[in-house]
Amino acid sequence: MKKTKMILGLSLVVISGLILVAADHIDAPGTSSGDAGDITDVYTFQGQDTNNLVFAVNTQGLLSPNATGAATFKENVMVEINIDNTGDNVEDLVIQAIKRGDKMYFFGPYAPTTTGTSSMIKTSAASGEVAISTYGAMPVTASQNGMKFFAGPRDDPFFFDLGQFKSILAGTATGFNNPGTDTFAGTNVLSIVVEVPKAMLGTSSTLNIWAETKKKQ
């Protein structure tokens, strides 16, 4: 059983109910725009098939259209989705994604042998692979082992009116406008999306979800 050791690069925590999102666009120490280890958003929501749960992790935020074509996932950076189904804030299951060549390979969900900042990839827990979609082309998805996969550039779905937020902080505005101005309009991210049958995630009605990027050591 081959295992590859990965060490934590950056983490973002989000507690999942039915539909929740957390965002963090380039304000963590040691990250910069276009950094393959920078997580911008984590989404968890019920799939169109209500028996499934969808996990989406976006990285490398604030990509302009001109920069998106050159943006790539890095082979030394793994994206790990952590799933706590016992309420102790320790991952009971992980879903891992790592690039090799022009494909994204997925592992899990499976119970990890190590938890926390250090991870191992259990290659015998491979669940599927998908060709990485290219900017401007039709998105490529794959279905294997009851799961669905996607990896590639997408329009940044997160909406935030940064200018109005700064005005509120400065005391020159009392609230957000409706409609507001989307600061992230016209920018892109690199997304990893995996849809998983709920039966693979345990029997708990509540899951704690967080995502990490980890660099190979």
N, C-alpha and C. Protein backbone atom coordinates (compact mmCIF):
# COMPACT_ATOMS: atom_id res chain seq x y z
N MET A 1 0.85 -1.18 0.00
CA MET A 1 0.00 0.00 0.00
C MET A 1 0.89 1.24 0.00
N LYS A 2 0.88 1.98 -1.10
CA LYS A 2 1.72 3.16 -1.22
C LYS A 2 1.05 4.35 -0.55
N LYS A 3 1.83 5.10 0.21
CA LYS A 3 1.32 6.30 0.85
C LYS A 3 2.28 7.45 0.59
N THR A 4 1.75 8.63 0.38
CA THR A 4 2.56 9.83 0.19
C THR A 4 2.28 10.79 1.31
N LYS A 5 3.33 11.27 1.95
CA LYS A 5 3.15 12.17 3.09
C LYS A 5 2.98 13.60 2.61
N MET A 6 1.98 14.27 3.16
CA MET A 6 1.70 15.66 2.83
C MET A 6 1.67 16.48 4.12
N ILE A 7 2.19 17.69 4.08
CA ILE A 7 2.23 18.57 5.24
C ILE A 7 1.36 19.80 4.97
N LEU A 8 0.64 20.22 6.01
CA LEU A 8 -0.31 21.32 5.88
C LEU A 8 0.34 22.59 5.36
N GLY A 9 -0.33 23.20 4.38
CA GLY A 9 0.10 24.49 3.89
C GLY A 9 -0.84 25.59 4.34
N LEU A 10 -2.15 25.38 4.23
CA LEU A 10 -3.13 26.41 4.56
C LEU A 10 -4.44 25.72 4.84
N SER A 11 -5.19 26.20 5.83
CA SER A 11 -6.47 25.57 6.14
C SER A 11 -7.56 26.60 6.25
N LEU A 12 -8.78 26.15 6.03
CA LEU A 12 -9.96 26.98 6.17
C LEU A 12 -11.06 26.12 6.74
N VAL A 13 -11.67 26.56 7.83
CA VAL A 13 -12.65 25.74 8.53
C VAL A 13 -14.06 26.25 8.26
N VAL A 14 -14.98 25.33 8.03
CA VAL A 14 -16.39 25.69 7.85
C VAL A 14 -17.24 24.58 8.44
N ILE A 15 -18.25 24.95 9.20
CA ILE A 15 -19.20 23.99 9.74
C ILE A 15 -20.34 23.85 8.75
N SER A 16 -20.67 22.61 8.39
CA SER A 16 -21.64 22.38 7.34
C SER A 16 -23.01 22.01 7.87
N GLY A 17 -24.02 22.70 7.37
CA GLY A 17 -25.40 22.29 7.58
C GLY A 17 -25.91 21.79 6.25
N LEU A 18 -26.99 22.38 5.72
CA LEU A 18 -27.48 21.97 4.41
C LEU A 18 -26.70 22.69 3.32
N ILE A 19 -26.63 24.03 3.40
CA ILE A 19 -25.86 24.80 2.44
C ILE A 19 -25.09 25.87 3.21
N LEU A 20 -23.77 25.76 3.24
CA LEU A 20 -22.96 26.76 3.92
C LEU A 20 -21.72 27.05 3.10
N VAL A 21 -21.17 28.24 3.30
CA VAL A 21 -19.96 28.62 2.59
C VAL A 21 -19.09 29.46 3.52
N ALA A 22 -17.79 29.30 3.37
CA ALA A 22 -16.85 30.19 4.04
C ALA A 22 -15.92 30.74 2.99
N ALA A 23 -15.51 32.00 3.13
CA ALA A 23 -14.65 32.62 2.13
C ALA A 23 -13.47 33.29 2.80
N ASP A 24 -12.34 33.32 2.08
CA ASP A 24 -11.12 33.90 2.61
C ASP A 24 -10.22 34.23 1.43
N HIS A 25 -10.44 35.40 0.81
CA HIS A 25 -9.72 35.76 -0.41
C HIS A 25 -8.42 36.49 -0.09
N ILE A 26 -7.33 35.74 -0.04
CA ILE A 26 -5.98 36.30 0.01
C ILE A 26 -5.72 37.18 1.23
N ASP A 27 -6.18 36.81 2.41
CA ASP A 27 -5.79 37.58 3.58
C ASP A 27 -5.09 36.72 4.62
N ALA A 28 -4.75 35.49 4.26
CA ALA A 28 -4.00 34.64 5.19
C ALA A 28 -2.51 34.89 5.02
N PRO A 29 -1.74 34.78 6.10
CA PRO A 29 -0.29 35.01 6.00
C PRO A 29 0.36 34.03 5.03
N GLY A 30 1.29 34.51 4.26
CA GLY A 30 2.07 33.64 3.41
C GLY A 30 1.40 33.26 2.11
N THR A 31 0.25 33.86 1.78
CA THR A 31 -0.40 33.55 0.52
C THR A 31 -0.46 34.80 -0.33
N SER A 32 -0.60 34.58 -1.63
CA SER A 32 -0.73 35.70 -2.56
C SER A 32 -1.64 35.27 -3.68
N SER A 33 -2.12 36.24 -4.45
CA SER A 33 -3.03 35.94 -5.55
C SER A 33 -2.38 34.94 -6.50
N GLY A 34 -3.10 33.90 -6.86
CA GLY A 34 -2.59 32.88 -7.76
C GLY A 34 -1.83 31.77 -7.06
N ASP A 35 -1.72 31.83 -5.73
CA ASP A 35 -1.03 30.79 -4.98
C ASP A 35 -1.86 29.51 -5.00
N ALA A 36 -1.25 28.40 -5.44
CA ALA A 36 -1.98 27.14 -5.54
C ALA A 36 -2.45 26.64 -4.19
N GLY A 37 -1.84 27.12 -3.10
CA GLY A 37 -2.24 26.68 -1.78
C GLY A 37 -3.29 27.54 -1.13
N ASP A 38 -3.74 28.59 -1.82
CA ASP A 38 -4.71 29.51 -1.21
C ASP A 38 -6.13 29.06 -1.48
N ILE A 39 -6.86 28.75 -0.42
CA ILE A 39 -8.28 28.40 -0.52
C ILE A 39 -9.10 29.68 -0.41
N THR A 40 -9.96 29.94 -1.38
CA THR A 40 -10.83 31.11 -1.32
C THR A 40 -12.18 30.77 -0.70
N ASP A 41 -12.76 29.65 -1.09
CA ASP A 41 -14.10 29.29 -0.62
C ASP A 41 -14.22 27.78 -0.44
N VAL A 42 -15.09 27.40 0.48
CA VAL A 42 -15.49 26.00 0.65
C VAL A 42 -17.02 25.96 0.67
N TYR A 43 -17.59 25.15 -0.19
CA TYR A 43 -19.05 25.01 -0.25
C TYR A 43 -19.44 23.56 0.00
N THR A 44 -20.52 23.37 0.73
CA THR A 44 -21.11 22.04 0.91
C THR A 44 -22.61 22.18 0.74
N PHE A 45 -23.18 21.38 -0.14
CA PHE A 45 -24.62 21.49 -0.37
C PHE A 45 -25.18 20.17 -0.90
N GLN A 46 -26.48 20.02 -0.77
CA GLN A 46 -27.15 18.83 -1.25
C GLN A 46 -27.16 18.81 -2.78
N GLY A 47 -26.89 17.66 -3.35
CA GLY A 47 -26.85 17.55 -4.80
C GLY A 47 -28.24 17.57 -5.41
N GLN A 48 -28.27 17.70 -6.74
CA GLN A 48 -29.54 17.60 -7.45
C GLN A 48 -30.20 16.26 -7.15
N ASP A 49 -29.37 15.23 -7.06
CA ASP A 49 -29.81 13.95 -6.50
C ASP A 49 -29.73 14.11 -4.99
N THR A 50 -30.86 14.14 -4.33
CA THR A 50 -30.90 14.45 -2.90
C THR A 50 -30.26 13.37 -2.03
N ASN A 51 -29.87 12.27 -2.64
CA ASN A 51 -29.13 11.23 -1.90
C ASN A 51 -27.64 11.55 -1.83
N ASN A 52 -27.23 12.63 -2.50
CA ASN A 52 -25.81 12.97 -2.58
C ASN A 52 -25.51 14.29 -1.90
N LEU A 53 -24.24 14.46 -1.50
CA LEU A 53 -23.74 15.72 -0.97
C LEU A 53 -22.60 16.17 -1.86
N VAL A 54 -22.57 17.48 -2.16
CA VAL A 54 -21.54 18.04 -3.03
C VAL A 54 -20.56 18.86 -2.20
N PHE A 55 -19.27 18.67 -2.46
CA PHE A 55 -18.22 19.46 -1.84
C PHE A 55 -17.48 20.22 -2.94
N ALA A 56 -17.30 21.51 -2.76
CA ALA A 56 -16.57 22.33 -3.72
C ALA A 56 -15.52 23.14 -2.98
N VAL A 57 -14.28 23.07 -3.45
CA VAL A 57 -13.18 23.84 -2.87
C VAL A 57 -12.59 24.69 -3.98
N ASN A 58 -12.59 26.00 -3.77
CA ASN A 58 -12.03 26.93 -4.75
C ASN A 58 -10.69 27.45 -4.27
N THR A 59 -9.75 27.56 -5.19
CA THR A 59 -8.41 28.05 -4.87
C THR A 59 -7.99 29.10 -5.90
N GLN A 60 -6.90 29.80 -5.59
CA GLN A 60 -6.29 30.77 -6.50
C GLN A 60 -7.27 31.84 -6.94
N GLY A 61 -7.80 32.57 -6.00
CA GLY A 61 -8.79 33.59 -6.30
C GLY A 61 -8.24 34.81 -7.01
N LEU A 62 -9.16 35.67 -7.45
CA LEU A 62 -8.85 36.94 -8.10
C LEU A 62 -8.11 36.78 -9.41
N LEU A 63 -8.34 35.65 -10.11
CA LEU A 63 -7.72 35.45 -11.41
C LEU A 63 -8.46 36.27 -12.46
N SER A 64 -7.73 37.11 -13.18
CA SER A 64 -8.33 37.85 -14.28
C SER A 64 -8.55 36.88 -15.44
N PRO A 65 -9.42 37.24 -16.40
CA PRO A 65 -9.59 36.36 -17.57
C PRO A 65 -8.27 36.08 -18.28
N ASN A 66 -7.40 37.08 -18.37
CA ASN A 66 -6.11 36.87 -19.04
C ASN A 66 -5.21 35.92 -18.27
N ALA A 67 -5.33 35.92 -16.93
CA ALA A 67 -4.46 35.07 -16.11
C ALA A 67 -5.01 33.66 -15.95
N THR A 68 -6.30 33.50 -16.19
CA THR A 68 -6.93 32.20 -15.91
C THR A 68 -6.38 31.09 -16.79
N GLY A 69 -6.13 31.39 -18.05
CA GLY A 69 -5.64 30.35 -18.96
C GLY A 69 -4.31 29.77 -18.54
N ALA A 70 -3.49 30.57 -17.86
CA ALA A 70 -2.18 30.10 -17.43
C ALA A 70 -2.19 29.52 -16.02
N ALA A 71 -3.29 29.68 -15.29
CA ALA A 71 -3.36 29.18 -13.91
C ALA A 71 -3.47 27.66 -13.91
N THR A 72 -2.76 27.03 -13.02
CA THR A 72 -2.75 25.57 -12.98
C THR A 72 -2.78 25.07 -11.54
N PHE A 73 -3.33 23.87 -11.37
CA PHE A 73 -3.14 23.15 -10.12
C PHE A 73 -1.69 22.68 -10.09
N LYS A 74 -1.13 22.54 -8.90
CA LYS A 74 0.26 22.11 -8.76
C LYS A 74 0.33 20.67 -8.28
N GLU A 75 1.27 19.91 -8.82
CA GLU A 75 1.38 18.49 -8.49
C GLU A 75 1.88 18.26 -7.07
N ASN A 76 2.48 19.26 -6.46
CA ASN A 76 2.95 19.08 -5.07
C ASN A 76 1.97 19.63 -4.05
N VAL A 77 0.77 20.02 -4.49
CA VAL A 77 -0.25 20.54 -3.58
C VAL A 77 -1.49 19.65 -3.63
N MET A 78 -1.84 19.09 -2.50
CA MET A 78 -3.03 18.26 -2.39
C MET A 78 -4.15 19.05 -1.72
N VAL A 79 -5.35 18.92 -2.22
CA VAL A 79 -6.53 19.47 -1.57
C VAL A 79 -7.20 18.35 -0.78
N GLU A 80 -7.44 18.60 0.49
CA GLU A 80 -8.05 17.59 1.35
C GLU A 80 -9.32 18.15 1.98
N ILE A 81 -10.41 17.44 1.77
CA ILE A 81 -11.69 17.76 2.41
C ILE A 81 -11.82 16.87 3.63
N ASN A 82 -11.97 17.49 4.80
CA ASN A 82 -12.06 16.74 6.05
C ASN A 82 -13.50 16.69 6.52
N ILE A 83 -13.93 15.53 6.98
CA ILE A 83 -15.32 15.31 7.38
C ILE A 83 -15.34 14.73 8.78
N ASP A 84 -15.92 15.48 9.71
CA ASP A 84 -16.10 15.01 11.09
C ASP A 84 -17.57 14.63 11.26
N ASN A 85 -17.84 13.35 11.47
CA ASN A 85 -19.24 12.90 11.65
C ASN A 85 -19.54 12.45 13.07
N THR A 86 -18.64 12.80 14.02
CA THR A 86 -18.87 12.44 15.43
C THR A 86 -18.92 13.66 16.34
N GLY A 87 -18.69 14.86 15.79
CA GLY A 87 -18.82 16.07 16.57
C GLY A 87 -17.64 16.44 17.43
N ASP A 88 -16.47 15.80 17.20
CA ASP A 88 -15.31 16.11 18.04
C ASP A 88 -14.29 17.00 17.33
N ASN A 89 -14.65 17.49 16.15
CA ASN A 89 -13.78 18.38 15.36
C ASN A 89 -12.46 17.73 14.96
N VAL A 90 -12.48 16.42 14.84
CA VAL A 90 -11.35 15.65 14.30
C VAL A 90 -11.88 14.89 13.10
N GLU A 91 -11.14 14.91 12.00
CA GLU A 91 -11.62 14.28 10.79
C GLU A 91 -11.78 12.77 10.95
N ASP A 92 -12.97 12.28 10.64
CA ASP A 92 -13.24 10.84 10.62
C ASP A 92 -13.09 10.28 9.22
N LEU A 93 -13.30 11.13 8.22
CA LEU A 93 -13.17 10.75 6.82
C LEU A 93 -12.45 11.87 6.08
N VAL A 94 -11.73 11.52 5.02
CA VAL A 94 -11.12 12.52 4.17
C VAL A 94 -11.41 12.19 2.71
N ILE A 95 -11.49 13.24 1.92
CA ILE A 95 -11.50 13.13 0.46
C ILE A 95 -10.32 13.94 -0.03
N GLN A 96 -9.45 13.32 -0.80
CA GLN A 96 -8.22 13.98 -1.22
C GLN A 96 -8.19 14.09 -2.74
N ALA A 97 -7.62 15.19 -3.23
CA ALA A 97 -7.50 15.41 -4.67
C ALA A 97 -6.09 15.90 -4.97
N ILE A 98 -5.45 15.30 -5.96
CA ILE A 98 -4.10 15.72 -6.32
C ILE A 98 -3.90 15.57 -7.82
N LYS A 99 -3.21 16.53 -8.39
CA LYS A 99 -2.98 16.56 -9.83
C LYS A 99 -1.81 15.68 -10.21
N ARG A 100 -1.98 14.95 -11.32
CA ARG A 100 -0.90 14.24 -11.97
C ARG A 100 -1.09 14.42 -13.46
N GLY A 101 -0.15 15.10 -14.12
CA GLY A 101 -0.30 15.37 -15.54
C GLY A 101 -1.49 16.28 -15.79
N ASP A 102 -2.35 15.89 -16.71
CA ASP A 102 -3.51 16.72 -17.04
C ASP A 102 -4.79 16.21 -16.39
N LYS A 103 -4.64 15.39 -15.33
CA LYS A 103 -5.80 14.85 -14.63
C LYS A 103 -5.76 15.16 -13.14
N MET A 104 -6.93 15.17 -12.53
CA MET A 104 -7.05 15.27 -11.08
C MET A 104 -7.50 13.92 -10.56
N TYR A 105 -6.76 13.40 -9.59
CA TYR A 105 -7.05 12.08 -9.02
C TYR A 105 -7.65 12.26 -7.63
N PHE A 106 -8.67 11.46 -7.34
CA PHE A 106 -9.41 11.57 -6.08
C PHE A 106 -9.27 10.28 -5.27
N PHE A 107 -9.21 10.45 -3.94
CA PHE A 107 -9.11 9.32 -3.01
C PHE A 107 -10.13 9.54 -1.89
N GLY A 108 -10.83 8.47 -1.51
CA GLY A 108 -11.80 8.57 -0.44
C GLY A 108 -13.21 8.74 -0.95
N PRO A 109 -14.14 8.96 0.00
CA PRO A 109 -13.90 9.18 1.43
C PRO A 109 -13.43 7.90 2.15
N TYR A 110 -12.42 8.08 3.00
CA TYR A 110 -11.92 6.97 3.80
C TYR A 110 -11.41 7.50 5.13
N ALA A 111 -11.31 6.62 6.10
CA ALA A 111 -10.82 6.99 7.43
C ALA A 111 -9.29 7.12 7.37
N PRO A 112 -8.75 8.30 7.68
CA PRO A 112 -7.30 8.50 7.57
C PRO A 112 -6.55 7.80 8.70
N THR A 113 -5.30 7.44 8.40
CA THR A 113 -4.46 6.83 9.43
C THR A 113 -3.82 7.88 10.32
N THR A 114 -3.70 9.11 9.81
CA THR A 114 -3.20 10.24 10.60
C THR A 114 -4.17 11.40 10.45
N THR A 115 -4.26 12.23 11.49
CA THR A 115 -5.15 13.39 11.45
C THR A 115 -4.34 14.65 11.74
N GLY A 116 -4.97 15.79 11.51
CA GLY A 116 -4.30 17.05 11.79
C GLY A 116 -3.49 17.57 10.62
N THR A 117 -2.33 18.16 10.91
CA THR A 117 -1.58 18.88 9.89
C THR A 117 -0.80 17.99 8.93
N SER A 118 -0.62 16.73 9.25
CA SER A 118 0.10 15.80 8.39
C SER A 118 -0.84 14.76 7.83
N SER A 119 -0.75 14.50 6.55
CA SER A 119 -1.65 13.55 5.90
C SER A 119 -0.88 12.55 5.07
N MET A 120 -1.49 11.40 4.87
CA MET A 120 -0.98 10.37 3.97
C MET A 120 -2.03 10.10 2.92
N ILE A 121 -1.61 9.86 1.69
CA ILE A 121 -2.53 9.46 0.63
C ILE A 121 -2.55 7.94 0.56
N LYS A 122 -3.71 7.37 0.78
CA LYS A 122 -3.89 5.92 0.71
C LYS A 122 -4.32 5.58 -0.71
N THR A 123 -3.36 5.16 -1.52
CA THR A 123 -3.65 4.97 -2.94
C THR A 123 -4.64 3.85 -3.20
N SER A 124 -4.77 2.92 -2.26
CA SER A 124 -5.76 1.85 -2.44
C SER A 124 -7.18 2.36 -2.27
N ALA A 125 -7.33 3.61 -1.78
CA ALA A 125 -8.66 4.21 -1.60
C ALA A 125 -9.02 5.12 -2.77
N ALA A 126 -8.36 4.92 -3.92
CA ALA A 126 -8.66 5.73 -5.11
C ALA A 126 -10.13 5.59 -5.48
N SER A 127 -10.77 6.74 -5.74
CA SER A 127 -12.21 6.72 -6.03
C SER A 127 -12.53 7.18 -7.44
N GLY A 128 -11.61 7.87 -8.10
CA GLY A 128 -11.89 8.30 -9.46
C GLY A 128 -10.90 9.33 -9.95
N GLU A 129 -11.05 9.72 -11.20
CA GLU A 129 -10.19 10.72 -11.81
C GLU A 129 -10.98 11.47 -12.86
N VAL A 130 -10.51 12.68 -13.18
CA VAL A 130 -11.17 13.49 -14.19
C VAL A 130 -10.12 14.33 -14.90
N ALA A 131 -10.28 14.49 -16.21
CA ALA A 131 -9.41 15.39 -16.96
C ALA A 131 -9.66 16.82 -16.48
N ILE A 132 -8.60 17.58 -16.26
CA ILE A 132 -8.73 18.95 -15.79
C ILE A 132 -9.25 19.81 -16.94
N SER A 133 -10.35 20.49 -16.70
CA SER A 133 -10.95 21.33 -17.72
C SER A 133 -10.06 22.54 -18.01
N THR A 134 -10.08 23.00 -19.25
CA THR A 134 -9.29 24.15 -19.65
C THR A 134 -10.19 25.37 -19.81
N TYR A 135 -9.61 26.53 -19.61
CA TYR A 135 -10.37 27.78 -19.65
C TYR A 135 -10.93 28.02 -21.05
N GLY A 136 -12.21 28.35 -21.11
CA GLY A 136 -12.85 28.65 -22.38
C GLY A 136 -13.43 27.45 -23.08
N ALA A 137 -13.16 26.25 -22.57
CA ALA A 137 -13.68 25.02 -23.18
C ALA A 137 -14.85 24.49 -22.36
N MET A 138 -15.60 23.56 -22.93
CA MET A 138 -16.69 22.94 -22.20
C MET A 138 -16.14 22.21 -20.98
N PRO A 139 -16.79 22.35 -19.82
CA PRO A 139 -16.30 21.65 -18.63
C PRO A 139 -16.38 20.15 -18.78
N VAL A 140 -15.39 19.47 -18.22
CA VAL A 140 -15.33 18.00 -18.26
C VAL A 140 -15.68 17.46 -16.89
N THR A 141 -16.60 16.53 -16.83
CA THR A 141 -16.92 15.85 -15.58
C THR A 141 -16.74 14.34 -15.77
N ALA A 142 -16.61 13.64 -14.66
CA ALA A 142 -16.48 12.19 -14.71
C ALA A 142 -17.30 11.58 -13.59
N SER A 143 -17.78 10.37 -13.82
CA SER A 143 -18.56 9.62 -12.82
C SER A 143 -17.92 8.26 -12.64
N GLN A 144 -17.57 7.95 -11.40
CA GLN A 144 -16.97 6.66 -11.07
C GLN A 144 -17.35 6.28 -9.64
N ASN A 145 -17.59 5.01 -9.42
CA ASN A 145 -17.86 4.49 -8.08
C ASN A 145 -18.98 5.23 -7.37
N GLY A 146 -19.98 5.64 -8.13
CA GLY A 146 -21.12 6.34 -7.55
C GLY A 146 -20.86 7.80 -7.24
N MET A 147 -19.67 8.31 -7.59
CA MET A 147 -19.28 9.69 -7.30
C MET A 147 -19.11 10.46 -8.61
N LYS A 148 -19.13 11.79 -8.52
CA LYS A 148 -18.91 12.65 -9.68
C LYS A 148 -17.78 13.63 -9.36
N PHE A 149 -17.01 13.98 -10.41
CA PHE A 149 -15.80 14.78 -10.20
C PHE A 149 -15.67 15.89 -11.24
N PHE A 150 -15.07 17.00 -10.81
CA PHE A 150 -14.72 18.10 -11.70
C PHE A 150 -13.49 18.80 -11.14
N ALA A 151 -12.64 19.29 -12.04
CA ALA A 151 -11.51 20.14 -11.65
C ALA A 151 -11.22 21.10 -12.79
N GLY A 152 -11.13 22.39 -12.47
CA GLY A 152 -10.81 23.35 -13.51
C GLY A 152 -11.25 24.75 -13.15
N PRO A 153 -11.07 25.70 -14.07
CA PRO A 153 -11.41 27.09 -13.80
C PRO A 153 -12.91 27.34 -13.86
N ARG A 154 -13.38 28.21 -12.96
CA ARG A 154 -14.78 28.62 -12.96
C ARG A 154 -14.85 30.09 -12.55
N ASP A 155 -15.93 30.74 -12.90
CA ASP A 155 -16.19 32.10 -12.44
C ASP A 155 -16.32 32.07 -10.91
N ASP A 156 -15.70 33.05 -10.24
CA ASP A 156 -15.78 33.08 -8.78
C ASP A 156 -17.23 33.31 -8.36
N PRO A 157 -17.85 32.35 -7.67
CA PRO A 157 -19.27 32.49 -7.32
C PRO A 157 -19.53 33.33 -6.08
N PHE A 158 -18.47 33.70 -5.37
CA PHE A 158 -18.67 34.42 -4.11
C PHE A 158 -19.00 35.88 -4.39
N PHE A 159 -20.05 36.39 -3.74
CA PHE A 159 -20.48 37.78 -3.90
C PHE A 159 -20.12 38.57 -2.65
N PHE A 160 -19.41 39.68 -2.86
CA PHE A 160 -19.09 40.55 -1.74
C PHE A 160 -18.86 41.97 -2.24
N ASP A 161 -19.47 42.92 -1.57
CA ASP A 161 -19.31 44.33 -1.90
C ASP A 161 -18.24 44.92 -0.99
N LEU A 162 -16.99 44.82 -1.43
CA LEU A 162 -15.87 45.23 -0.59
C LEU A 162 -15.87 46.74 -0.36
N GLY A 163 -16.22 47.50 -1.39
CA GLY A 163 -16.22 48.95 -1.23
C GLY A 163 -17.21 49.42 -0.17
N GLN A 164 -18.42 48.84 -0.20
CA GLN A 164 -19.42 49.22 0.79
C GLN A 164 -19.02 48.72 2.18
N PHE A 165 -18.39 47.56 2.24
CA PHE A 165 -17.91 47.03 3.52
C PHE A 165 -16.90 47.99 4.14
N LYS A 166 -16.00 48.52 3.32
CA LYS A 166 -15.02 49.47 3.84
C LYS A 166 -15.69 50.75 4.31
N SER A 167 -16.76 51.16 3.60
CA SER A 167 -17.49 52.36 4.01
C SER A 167 -18.17 52.16 5.36
N ILE A 168 -18.70 50.95 5.57
CA ILE A 168 -19.32 50.63 6.86
C ILE A 168 -18.29 50.69 7.98
N LEU A 169 -17.11 50.11 7.73
CA LEU A 169 -16.06 50.13 8.73
C LEU A 169 -15.60 51.55 9.03
N ALA A 170 -15.60 52.39 8.00
CA ALA A 170 -15.15 53.77 8.18
C ALA A 170 -16.23 54.66 8.79
N GLY A 171 -17.44 54.13 8.93
CA GLY A 171 -18.52 54.90 9.53
C GLY A 171 -19.24 55.82 8.57
N THR A 172 -18.98 55.70 7.27
CA THR A 172 -19.64 56.55 6.28
C THR A 172 -20.86 55.88 5.65
N ALA A 173 -21.14 54.66 6.06
CA ALA A 173 -22.34 53.95 5.60
C ALA A 173 -22.84 53.10 6.76
N THR A 174 -24.14 52.86 6.78
CA THR A 174 -24.73 52.11 7.89
C THR A 174 -25.09 50.68 7.53
N GLY A 175 -25.05 50.36 6.25
CA GLY A 175 -25.40 48.99 5.84
C GLY A 175 -25.09 48.78 4.38
N PHE A 176 -25.33 47.56 3.93
CA PHE A 176 -25.06 47.20 2.54
C PHE A 176 -26.20 47.67 1.64
N ASN A 177 -25.87 47.91 0.37
CA ASN A 177 -26.86 48.29 -0.62
C ASN A 177 -27.54 47.05 -1.19
N ASN A 178 -28.75 47.23 -1.67
CA ASN A 178 -29.48 46.15 -2.32
C ASN A 178 -30.04 46.65 -3.65
N PRO A 179 -29.43 46.29 -4.79
CA PRO A 179 -28.32 45.33 -4.89
C PRO A 179 -26.97 46.00 -4.61
N GLY A 180 -26.01 45.19 -4.24
CA GLY A 180 -24.67 45.70 -4.02
C GLY A 180 -23.83 45.56 -5.28
N THR A 181 -22.57 45.93 -5.16
CA THR A 181 -21.62 45.80 -6.26
C THR A 181 -20.71 44.61 -5.98
N ASP A 182 -20.67 43.66 -6.91
CA ASP A 182 -19.87 42.45 -6.71
C ASP A 182 -18.40 42.74 -6.98
N THR A 183 -17.62 42.79 -5.93
CA THR A 183 -16.19 43.06 -6.07
C THR A 183 -15.49 41.99 -6.89
N PHE A 184 -15.98 40.76 -6.85
CA PHE A 184 -15.31 39.66 -7.52
C PHE A 184 -15.84 39.39 -8.93
N ALA A 185 -16.72 40.25 -9.41
CA ALA A 185 -17.25 40.07 -10.78
C ALA A 185 -16.11 40.10 -11.79
N GLY A 186 -16.13 39.15 -12.71
CA GLY A 186 -15.11 39.10 -13.75
C GLY A 186 -13.84 38.39 -13.34
N THR A 187 -13.78 37.87 -12.11
CA THR A 187 -12.60 37.12 -11.68
C THR A 187 -12.94 35.65 -11.57
N ASN A 188 -11.91 34.83 -11.64
CA ASN A 188 -12.10 33.38 -11.66
C ASN A 188 -11.31 32.69 -10.55
N VAL A 189 -11.62 31.43 -10.37
CA VAL A 189 -10.94 30.57 -9.41
C VAL A 189 -10.67 29.23 -10.07
N LEU A 190 -9.83 28.42 -9.46
CA LEU A 190 -9.70 27.02 -9.84
C LEU A 190 -10.49 26.19 -8.84
N SER A 191 -11.40 25.38 -9.35
CA SER A 191 -12.34 24.64 -8.51
C SER A 191 -12.09 23.14 -8.56
N ILE A 192 -12.29 22.52 -7.41
CA ILE A 192 -12.36 21.06 -7.30
C ILE A 192 -13.72 20.73 -6.72
N VAL A 193 -14.48 19.92 -7.43
CA VAL A 193 -15.84 19.58 -7.02
C VAL A 193 -16.00 18.07 -7.02
N VAL A 194 -16.56 17.55 -5.95
CA VAL A 194 -16.83 16.11 -5.86
C VAL A 194 -18.20 15.90 -5.25
N GLU A 195 -18.99 15.06 -5.88
CA GLU A 195 -20.32 14.72 -5.39
C GLU A 195 -20.29 13.28 -4.87
N VAL A 196 -20.77 13.11 -3.65
CA VAL A 196 -20.61 11.84 -2.93
C VAL A 196 -21.95 11.36 -2.40
N PRO A 197 -22.28 10.07 -2.55
CA PRO A 197 -23.48 9.56 -1.89
C PRO A 197 -23.41 9.76 -0.38
N LYS A 198 -24.48 10.22 0.21
CA LYS A 198 -24.50 10.45 1.65
C LYS A 198 -24.20 9.17 2.43
N ALA A 199 -24.55 8.03 1.85
CA ALA A 199 -24.32 6.75 2.54
C ALA A 199 -22.83 6.51 2.79
N MET A 200 -21.95 7.18 2.04
CA MET A 200 -20.51 7.01 2.23
C MET A 200 -19.96 7.87 3.37
N LEU A 201 -20.80 8.73 3.94
CA LEU A 201 -20.33 9.72 4.91
C LEU A 201 -20.74 9.43 6.34
N GLY A 202 -21.32 8.27 6.59
CA GLY A 202 -21.76 7.92 7.93
C GLY A 202 -23.24 8.20 8.12
N THR A 203 -23.71 7.99 9.33
CA THR A 203 -25.15 8.10 9.62
C THR A 203 -25.52 9.37 10.38
N SER A 204 -24.55 10.20 10.74
CA SER A 204 -24.85 11.41 11.50
C SER A 204 -25.66 12.39 10.66
N SER A 205 -26.59 13.11 11.30
CA SER A 205 -27.38 14.13 10.61
C SER A 205 -26.65 15.46 10.52
N THR A 206 -25.51 15.58 11.21
CA THR A 206 -24.72 16.80 11.21
C THR A 206 -23.27 16.47 10.90
N LEU A 207 -22.68 17.20 9.97
CA LEU A 207 -21.28 17.01 9.62
C LEU A 207 -20.52 18.32 9.82
N ASN A 208 -19.32 18.23 10.33
CA ASN A 208 -18.39 19.36 10.34
C ASN A 208 -17.43 19.18 9.17
N ILE A 209 -17.31 20.20 8.35
CA ILE A 209 -16.52 20.10 7.13
C ILE A 209 -15.46 21.20 7.12
N TRP A 210 -14.22 20.86 6.78
CA TRP A 210 -13.21 21.87 6.52
C TRP A 210 -12.26 21.34 5.44
N ALA A 211 -11.62 22.27 4.78
CA ALA A 211 -10.71 21.90 3.69
C ALA A 211 -9.33 22.44 3.98
N GLU A 212 -8.33 21.75 3.46
CA GLU A 212 -6.94 22.15 3.62
C GLU A 212 -6.21 21.95 2.31
N THR A 213 -5.17 22.74 2.08
CA THR A 213 -4.19 22.41 1.05
C THR A 213 -2.92 22.01 1.76
N LYS A 214 -2.29 20.96 1.26
CA LYS A 214 -1.08 20.44 1.89
C LYS A 214 -0.02 20.20 0.82
N LYS A 215 1.21 20.62 1.14
CA LYS A 215 2.30 20.49 0.18
C LYS A 215 3.15 19.27 0.50
N LYS A 216 3.60 18.60 -0.55
CA LYS A 216 4.42 17.40 -0.39
C LYS A 216 5.77 17.77 0.18
N GLN A 217 6.21 16.96 1.14
CA GLN A 217 7.52 17.20 1.78
C GLN A 217 8.50 16.12 1.36
